[in-house]
């Protein structure tokens, strides 16, 4: 029996625009867009991805946002990018050279935008991209320009190692570390 491609298979190689601006508190960095995200053009769009719910549960956002609300992150001092821009069926479809090239792109992005924290969502990809074979979830010694790096678990619904409570706890640790600086102007007023 011949296998039929999925309804979003046409999105292989599609890209999703960054949601980023200078001076963010946290720039979240996914591994790469999945096919569903590539098809709709928004980050963490596949139903079942826990990114948006985890942002709300951990206190990063005051309400539950979704992929079509992603630009609402900017006034909150948050943004989203990916290590690798092209959409694939899964991160396993990426080779180490692509991840390392993505690390270099992320360094340039950090130099240009100057976020306070860069949070990579997936420690396997972080280990490969930045040649940090022993990295674990949490804050890292590695800096991207002036930005502190933090590794978070991948929020994909396929990541059975981290259920929502544990995922939320890890995001809360970062939120606590990345609280906006005292005396800062509301992000909404800046943009």
C-alpha atoms as a PDB file:
ATOM      1  CA  UNK A   1       0.000   0.000   0.000  1.00  0.00           C
ATOM      2  CA  UNK A   2       1.392   3.395  -0.982  1.00  0.00           C
ATOM      3  CA  UNK A   3       1.711   5.992   1.774  1.00  0.00           C
ATOM      4  CA  UNK A   4      -0.071   9.286   1.200  1.00  0.00           C
ATOM      5  CA  UNK A   5       1.523  12.533   2.320  1.00  0.00           C
ATOM      6  CA  UNK A   6      -0.155  14.383   5.170  1.00  0.00           C
ATOM      7  CA  UNK A   7      -2.302  17.442   4.483  1.00  0.00           C
ATOM      8  CA  UNK A   8       0.504  19.794   5.480  1.00  0.00           C
ATOM      9  CA  UNK A   9       3.340  17.970   3.679  1.00  0.00           C
ATOM     10  CA  UNK A  10       3.430  20.768   1.102  1.00  0.00           C
ATOM     11  CA  UNK A  11       4.825  22.994   3.868  1.00  0.00           C
ATOM     12  CA  UNK A  12       8.219  21.212   3.954  1.00  0.00           C
ATOM     13  CA  UNK A  13      10.808  23.987   3.803  1.00  0.00           C
ATOM     14  CA  UNK A  14       8.329  26.786   4.584  1.00  0.00           C
ATOM     15  CA  UNK A  15       9.481  29.423   7.041  1.00  0.00           C
ATOM     16  CA  UNK A  16       7.736  31.277   9.850  1.00  0.00           C
ATOM     17  CA  UNK A  17       8.654  34.949  10.395  1.00  0.00           C
ATOM     18  CA  UNK A  18      10.443  35.851  13.613  1.00  0.00           C
ATOM     19  CA  UNK A  19       8.476  37.678  16.276  1.00  0.00           C
ATOM     20  CA  UNK A  20      11.276  39.857  17.619  1.00  0.00           C
ATOM     21  CA  UNK A  21      12.276  43.403  18.470  1.00  0.00           C
ATOM     22  CA  UNK A  22      15.252  45.100  20.150  1.00  0.00           C
ATOM     23  CA  UNK A  23      15.589  44.884  23.919  1.00  0.00           C
ATOM     24  CA  UNK A  24      13.349  41.901  24.687  1.00  0.00           C
ATOM     25  CA  UNK A  25      13.437  40.368  28.130  1.00  0.00           C
ATOM     26  CA  UNK A  26      13.260  36.842  26.651  1.00  0.00           C
ATOM     27  CA  UNK A  27      13.702  35.631  23.096  1.00  0.00           C
ATOM     28  CA  UNK A  28      12.324  32.086  22.921  1.00  0.00           C
ATOM     29  CA  UNK A  29      14.064  29.961  20.310  1.00  0.00           C
ATOM     30  CA  UNK A  30      12.390  26.829  19.007  1.00  0.00           C
ATOM     31  CA  UNK A  31      14.298  24.137  17.148  1.00  0.00           C
ATOM     32  CA  UNK A  32      12.486  24.643  13.828  1.00  0.00           C
ATOM     33  CA  UNK A  33       8.888  25.008  12.674  1.00  0.00           C
ATOM     34  CA  UNK A  34       6.839  21.865  12.297  1.00  0.00           C
ATOM     35  CA  UNK A  35       4.852  21.364   9.116  1.00  0.00           C
ATOM     36  CA  UNK A  36       1.638  22.666  10.649  1.00  0.00           C
ATOM     37  CA  UNK A  37       3.380  25.864  11.786  1.00  0.00           C
ATOM     38  CA  UNK A  38       4.970  26.171   8.359  1.00  0.00           C
ATOM     39  CA  UNK A  39       1.581  25.746   6.705  1.00  0.00           C
ATOM     40  CA  UNK A  40      -0.163  28.435   8.781  1.00  0.00           C
ATOM     41  CA  UNK A  41       2.873  30.732   9.178  1.00  0.00           C
ATOM     42  CA  UNK A  42       2.767  30.996  12.978  1.00  0.00           C
ATOM     43  CA  UNK A  43       4.946  29.637  15.779  1.00  0.00           C
ATOM     44  CA  UNK A  44       3.957  26.626  17.883  1.00  0.00           C
ATOM     45  CA  UNK A  45       0.700  26.346  15.937  1.00  0.00           C
ATOM     46  CA  UNK A  46       0.003  22.609  16.018  1.00  0.00           C
ATOM     47  CA  UNK A  47      -2.852  21.768  18.364  1.00  0.00           C
ATOM     48  CA  UNK A  48      -1.328  19.869  21.245  1.00  0.00           C
ATOM     49  CA  UNK A  49       1.803  22.000  21.410  1.00  0.00           C
ATOM     50  CA  UNK A  50       1.988  23.224  24.969  1.00  0.00           C
ATOM     51  CA  UNK A  51       4.027  26.402  24.428  1.00  0.00           C
ATOM     52  CA  UNK A  52       1.140  28.867  24.671  1.00  0.00           C
ATOM     53  CA  UNK A  53      -0.474  27.184  27.650  1.00  0.00           C
ATOM     54  CA  UNK A  54       2.873  26.946  29.428  1.00  0.00           C
ATOM     55  CA  UNK A  55       3.503  30.671  28.889  1.00  0.00           C
ATOM     56  CA  UNK A  56       0.189  31.407  30.598  1.00  0.00           C
ATOM     57  CA  UNK A  57       0.561  28.838  33.391  1.00  0.00           C
ATOM     58  CA  UNK A  58       4.078  30.045  34.209  1.00  0.00           C
ATOM     59  CA  UNK A  59       3.016  33.696  34.384  1.00  0.00           C
ATOM     60  CA  UNK A  60       4.750  34.985  31.247  1.00  0.00           C
ATOM     61  CA  UNK A  61       1.406  36.071  29.779  1.00  0.00           C
ATOM     62  CA  UNK A  62      -1.643  37.385  31.653  1.00  0.00           C
ATOM     63  CA  UNK A  63      -4.055  35.483  29.391  1.00  0.00           C
ATOM     64  CA  UNK A  64      -3.906  32.406  27.204  1.00  0.00           C
ATOM     65  CA  UNK A  65      -2.578  33.489  23.832  1.00  0.00           C
ATOM     66  CA  UNK A  66      -2.299  31.323  20.753  1.00  0.00           C
ATOM     67  CA  UNK A  67      -0.205  31.216  17.608  1.00  0.00           C
ATOM     68  CA  UNK A  68      -2.349  33.811  15.827  1.00  0.00           C
ATOM     69  CA  UNK A  69      -1.808  36.158  18.790  1.00  0.00           C
ATOM     70  CA  UNK A  70       1.994  35.822  18.704  1.00  0.00           C
ATOM     71  CA  UNK A  71       2.629  39.527  18.009  1.00  0.00           C
ATOM     72  CA  UNK A  72       0.990  40.291  21.381  1.00  0.00           C
ATOM     73  CA  UNK A  73       4.154  38.894  22.976  1.00  0.00           C
ATOM     74  CA  UNK A  74       6.233  41.901  21.928  1.00  0.00           C
ATOM     75  CA  UNK A  75       4.626  44.423  24.331  1.00  0.00           C
ATOM     76  CA  UNK A  76       5.287  41.855  27.088  1.00  0.00           C
ATOM     77  CA  UNK A  77       9.020  41.879  26.275  1.00  0.00           C
ATOM     78  CA  UNK A  78       8.887  38.409  24.688  1.00  0.00           C
ATOM     79  CA  UNK A  79       9.723  37.142  21.214  1.00  0.00           C
ATOM     80  CA  UNK A  80      10.072  33.937  19.204  1.00  0.00           C
ATOM     81  CA  UNK A  81      12.542  32.654  16.633  1.00  0.00           C
ATOM     82  CA  UNK A  82      13.911  29.252  15.586  1.00  0.00           C
ATOM     83  CA  UNK A  83      17.397  27.772  15.335  1.00  0.00           C
ATOM     84  CA  UNK A  84      16.583  26.459  11.858  1.00  0.00           C
ATOM     85  CA  UNK A  85      14.147  28.439   9.753  1.00  0.00           C
ATOM     86  CA  UNK A  86      12.803  25.642   7.502  1.00  0.00           C
ATOM     87  CA  UNK A  87       9.778  23.564   8.446  1.00  0.00           C
ATOM     88  CA  UNK A  88      10.164  19.790   8.673  1.00  0.00           C
ATOM     89  CA  UNK A  89       8.042  16.895   9.881  1.00  0.00           C
ATOM     90  CA  UNK A  90      10.276  16.693  12.941  1.00  0.00           C
ATOM     91  CA  UNK A  91      13.548  17.905  14.438  1.00  0.00           C
ATOM     92  CA  UNK A  92      15.089  14.546  13.540  1.00  0.00           C
ATOM     93  CA  UNK A  93      15.003  15.732   9.902  1.00  0.00           C
ATOM     94  CA  UNK A  94      17.676  18.325  10.684  1.00  0.00           C
ATOM     95  CA  UNK A  95      21.359  17.585  10.449  1.00  0.00           C
ATOM     96  CA  UNK A  96      23.965  18.849  12.947  1.00  0.00           C
ATOM     97  CA  UNK A  97      25.396  21.315  10.415  1.00  0.00           C
ATOM     98  CA  UNK A  98      22.008  23.033  10.133  1.00  0.00           C
ATOM     99  CA  UNK A  99      21.776  23.343  13.905  1.00  0.00           C
ATOM    100  CA  UNK A 100      25.291  24.802  14.132  1.00  0.00           C
ATOM    101  CA  UNK A 101      24.492  27.287  11.345  1.00  0.00           C
ATOM    102  CA  UNK A 102      21.350  28.197  13.297  1.00  0.00           C
ATOM    103  CA  UNK A 103      23.477  28.842  16.390  1.00  0.00           C
ATOM    104  CA  UNK A 104      25.559  31.328  14.389  1.00  0.00           C
ATOM    105  CA  UNK A 105      22.406  33.046  13.105  1.00  0.00           C
ATOM    106  CA  UNK A 106      21.086  33.241  16.689  1.00  0.00           C
ATOM    107  CA  UNK A 107      24.362  34.824  17.842  1.00  0.00           C
ATOM    108  CA  UNK A 108      24.034  37.497  15.150  1.00  0.00           C
ATOM    109  CA  UNK A 109      20.409  38.052  16.123  1.00  0.00           C
ATOM    110  CA  UNK A 110      21.382  38.430  19.803  1.00  0.00           C
ATOM    111  CA  UNK A 111      24.096  40.937  18.821  1.00  0.00           C
ATOM    112  CA  UNK A 112      21.593  42.981  16.823  1.00  0.00           C
ATOM    113  CA  UNK A 113      18.528  42.797  19.122  1.00  0.00           C
ATOM    114  CA  UNK A 114      20.219  42.583  22.540  1.00  0.00           C
ATOM    115  CA  UNK A 115      17.661  40.444  24.416  1.00  0.00           C
ATOM    116  CA  UNK A 116      18.371  39.890  28.100  1.00  0.00           C
ATOM    117  CA  UNK A 117      17.763  36.124  27.823  1.00  0.00           C
ATOM    118  CA  UNK A 118      17.688  33.659  24.950  1.00  0.00           C
ATOM    119  CA  UNK A 119      15.732  30.535  25.860  1.00  0.00           C
ATOM    120  CA  UNK A 120      16.354  27.533  23.628  1.00  0.00           C
ATOM    121  CA  UNK A 121      13.429  25.097  23.674  1.00  0.00           C
ATOM    122  CA  UNK A 122      15.051  21.684  23.444  1.00  0.00           C
ATOM    123  CA  UNK A 123      18.253  20.594  25.141  1.00  0.00           C
ATOM    124  CA  UNK A 124      19.228  18.019  22.488  1.00  0.00           C
ATOM    125  CA  UNK A 125      19.246  20.705  19.812  1.00  0.00           C
ATOM    126  CA  UNK A 126      21.080  23.104  22.139  1.00  0.00           C
ATOM    127  CA  UNK A 127      23.761  20.498  22.859  1.00  0.00           C
ATOM    128  CA  UNK A 128      24.399  19.947  19.157  1.00  0.00           C
ATOM    129  CA  UNK A 129      24.034  23.542  17.955  1.00  0.00           C
ATOM    130  CA  UNK A 130      26.354  25.035  20.568  1.00  0.00           C
ATOM    131  CA  UNK A 131      28.651  22.033  21.112  1.00  0.00           C
ATOM    132  CA  UNK A 132      27.573  21.710  24.752  1.00  0.00           C
ATOM    133  CA  UNK A 133      27.229  17.901  25.101  1.00  0.00           C
ATOM    134  CA  UNK A 134      26.593  17.979  28.859  1.00  0.00           C
ATOM    135  CA  UNK A 135      24.017  20.804  28.921  1.00  0.00           C
ATOM    136  CA  UNK A 136      20.892  20.260  30.999  1.00  0.00           C
ATOM    137  CA  UNK A 137      17.683  22.222  31.392  1.00  0.00           C
ATOM    138  CA  UNK A 138      18.163  25.569  33.104  1.00  0.00           C
ATOM    139  CA  UNK A 139      20.600  28.500  32.976  1.00  0.00           C
ATOM    140  CA  UNK A 140      23.803  28.036  30.980  1.00  0.00           C
ATOM    141  CA  UNK A 141      27.290  29.487  31.278  1.00  0.00           C
ATOM    142  CA  UNK A 142      27.284  30.191  27.530  1.00  0.00           C
ATOM    143  CA  UNK A 143      26.293  33.719  26.574  1.00  0.00           C
ATOM    144  CA  UNK A 144      25.074  34.919  23.210  1.00  0.00           C
ATOM    145  CA  UNK A 145      26.696  38.311  23.132  1.00  0.00           C
ATOM    146  CA  UNK A 146      25.339  39.943  26.331  1.00  0.00           C
ATOM    147  CA  UNK A 147      22.276  37.662  26.525  1.00  0.00           C
ATOM    148  CA  UNK A 148      22.126  34.959  29.145  1.00  0.00           C
ATOM    149  CA  UNK A 149      21.146  31.586  27.731  1.00  0.00           C
ATOM    150  CA  UNK A 150      18.630  29.250  29.264  1.00  0.00           C
ATOM    151  CA  UNK A 151      17.593  25.818  28.059  1.00  0.00           C
ATOM    152  CA  UNK A 152      13.968  24.781  28.410  1.00  0.00           C
ATOM    153  CA  UNK A 153      12.315  21.469  27.533  1.00  0.00           C
ATOM    154  CA  UNK A 154      10.703  21.272  24.124  1.00  0.00           C
ATOM    155  CA  UNK A 155       6.975  22.070  24.615  1.00  0.00           C
ATOM    156  CA  UNK A 156       5.875  19.716  21.848  1.00  0.00           C
ATOM    157  CA  UNK A 157       3.086  17.380  22.872  1.00  0.00           C
ATOM    158  CA  UNK A 158       5.409  14.582  21.722  1.00  0.00           C
ATOM    159  CA  UNK A 159       7.846  15.326  24.570  1.00  0.00           C
ATOM    160  CA  UNK A 160       6.588  12.765  27.080  1.00  0.00           C
ATOM    161  CA  UNK A 161       9.527  13.399  29.430  1.00  0.00           C
ATOM    162  CA  UNK A 162       7.973  16.690  30.527  1.00  0.00           C
ATOM    163  CA  UNK A 163       4.303  16.796  31.410  1.00  0.00           C
ATOM    164  CA  UNK A 164       2.631  20.184  31.761  1.00  0.00           C
ATOM    165  CA  UNK A 165       3.342  20.684  35.506  1.00  0.00           C
ATOM    166  CA  UNK A 166       7.076  20.008  35.089  1.00  0.00           C
ATOM    167  CA  UNK A 167       7.226  22.067  31.901  1.00  0.00           C
ATOM    168  CA  UNK A 168       5.479  24.950  33.661  1.00  0.00           C
ATOM    169  CA  UNK A 169       7.913  24.731  36.572  1.00  0.00           C
ATOM    170  CA  UNK A 170      10.902  25.101  34.237  1.00  0.00           C
ATOM    171  CA  UNK A 171       9.326  28.087  32.464  1.00  0.00           C
ATOM    172  CA  UNK A 172       8.577  29.650  35.882  1.00  0.00           C
ATOM    173  CA  UNK A 173      12.263  29.406  36.810  1.00  0.00           C
ATOM    174  CA  UNK A 174      13.155  31.443  33.748  1.00  0.00           C
ATOM    175  CA  UNK A 175      10.326  33.926  34.321  1.00  0.00           C
ATOM    176  CA  UNK A 176      11.570  34.538  37.856  1.00  0.00           C
ATOM    177  CA  UNK A 177      15.118  35.143  36.597  1.00  0.00           C
ATOM    178  CA  UNK A 178      13.924  37.363  33.747  1.00  0.00           C
ATOM    179  CA  UNK A 179      11.539  39.610  35.650  1.00  0.00           C
ATOM    180  CA  UNK A 180      11.598  43.016  33.977  1.00  0.00           C
ATOM    181  CA  UNK A 181      14.162  45.355  35.428  1.00  0.00           C
ATOM    182  CA  UNK A 182      12.962  47.643  38.173  1.00  0.00           C
ATOM    183  CA  UNK A 183      11.938  51.049  36.963  1.00  0.00           C
ATOM    184  CA  UNK A 184      11.518  49.911  33.369  1.00  0.00           C
ATOM    185  CA  UNK A 185       8.806  51.499  31.280  1.00  0.00           C
ATOM    186  CA  UNK A 186       5.845  49.333  30.330  1.00  0.00           C
ATOM    187  CA  UNK A 187       6.622  47.595  27.040  1.00  0.00           C
ATOM    188  CA  UNK A 188       3.233  48.618  25.709  1.00  0.00           C
ATOM    189  CA  UNK A 189       4.188  52.264  26.088  1.00  0.00           C
ATOM    190  CA  UNK A 190       7.475  51.804  24.219  1.00  0.00           C
ATOM    191  CA  UNK A 191       6.077  50.361  21.022  1.00  0.00           C
END
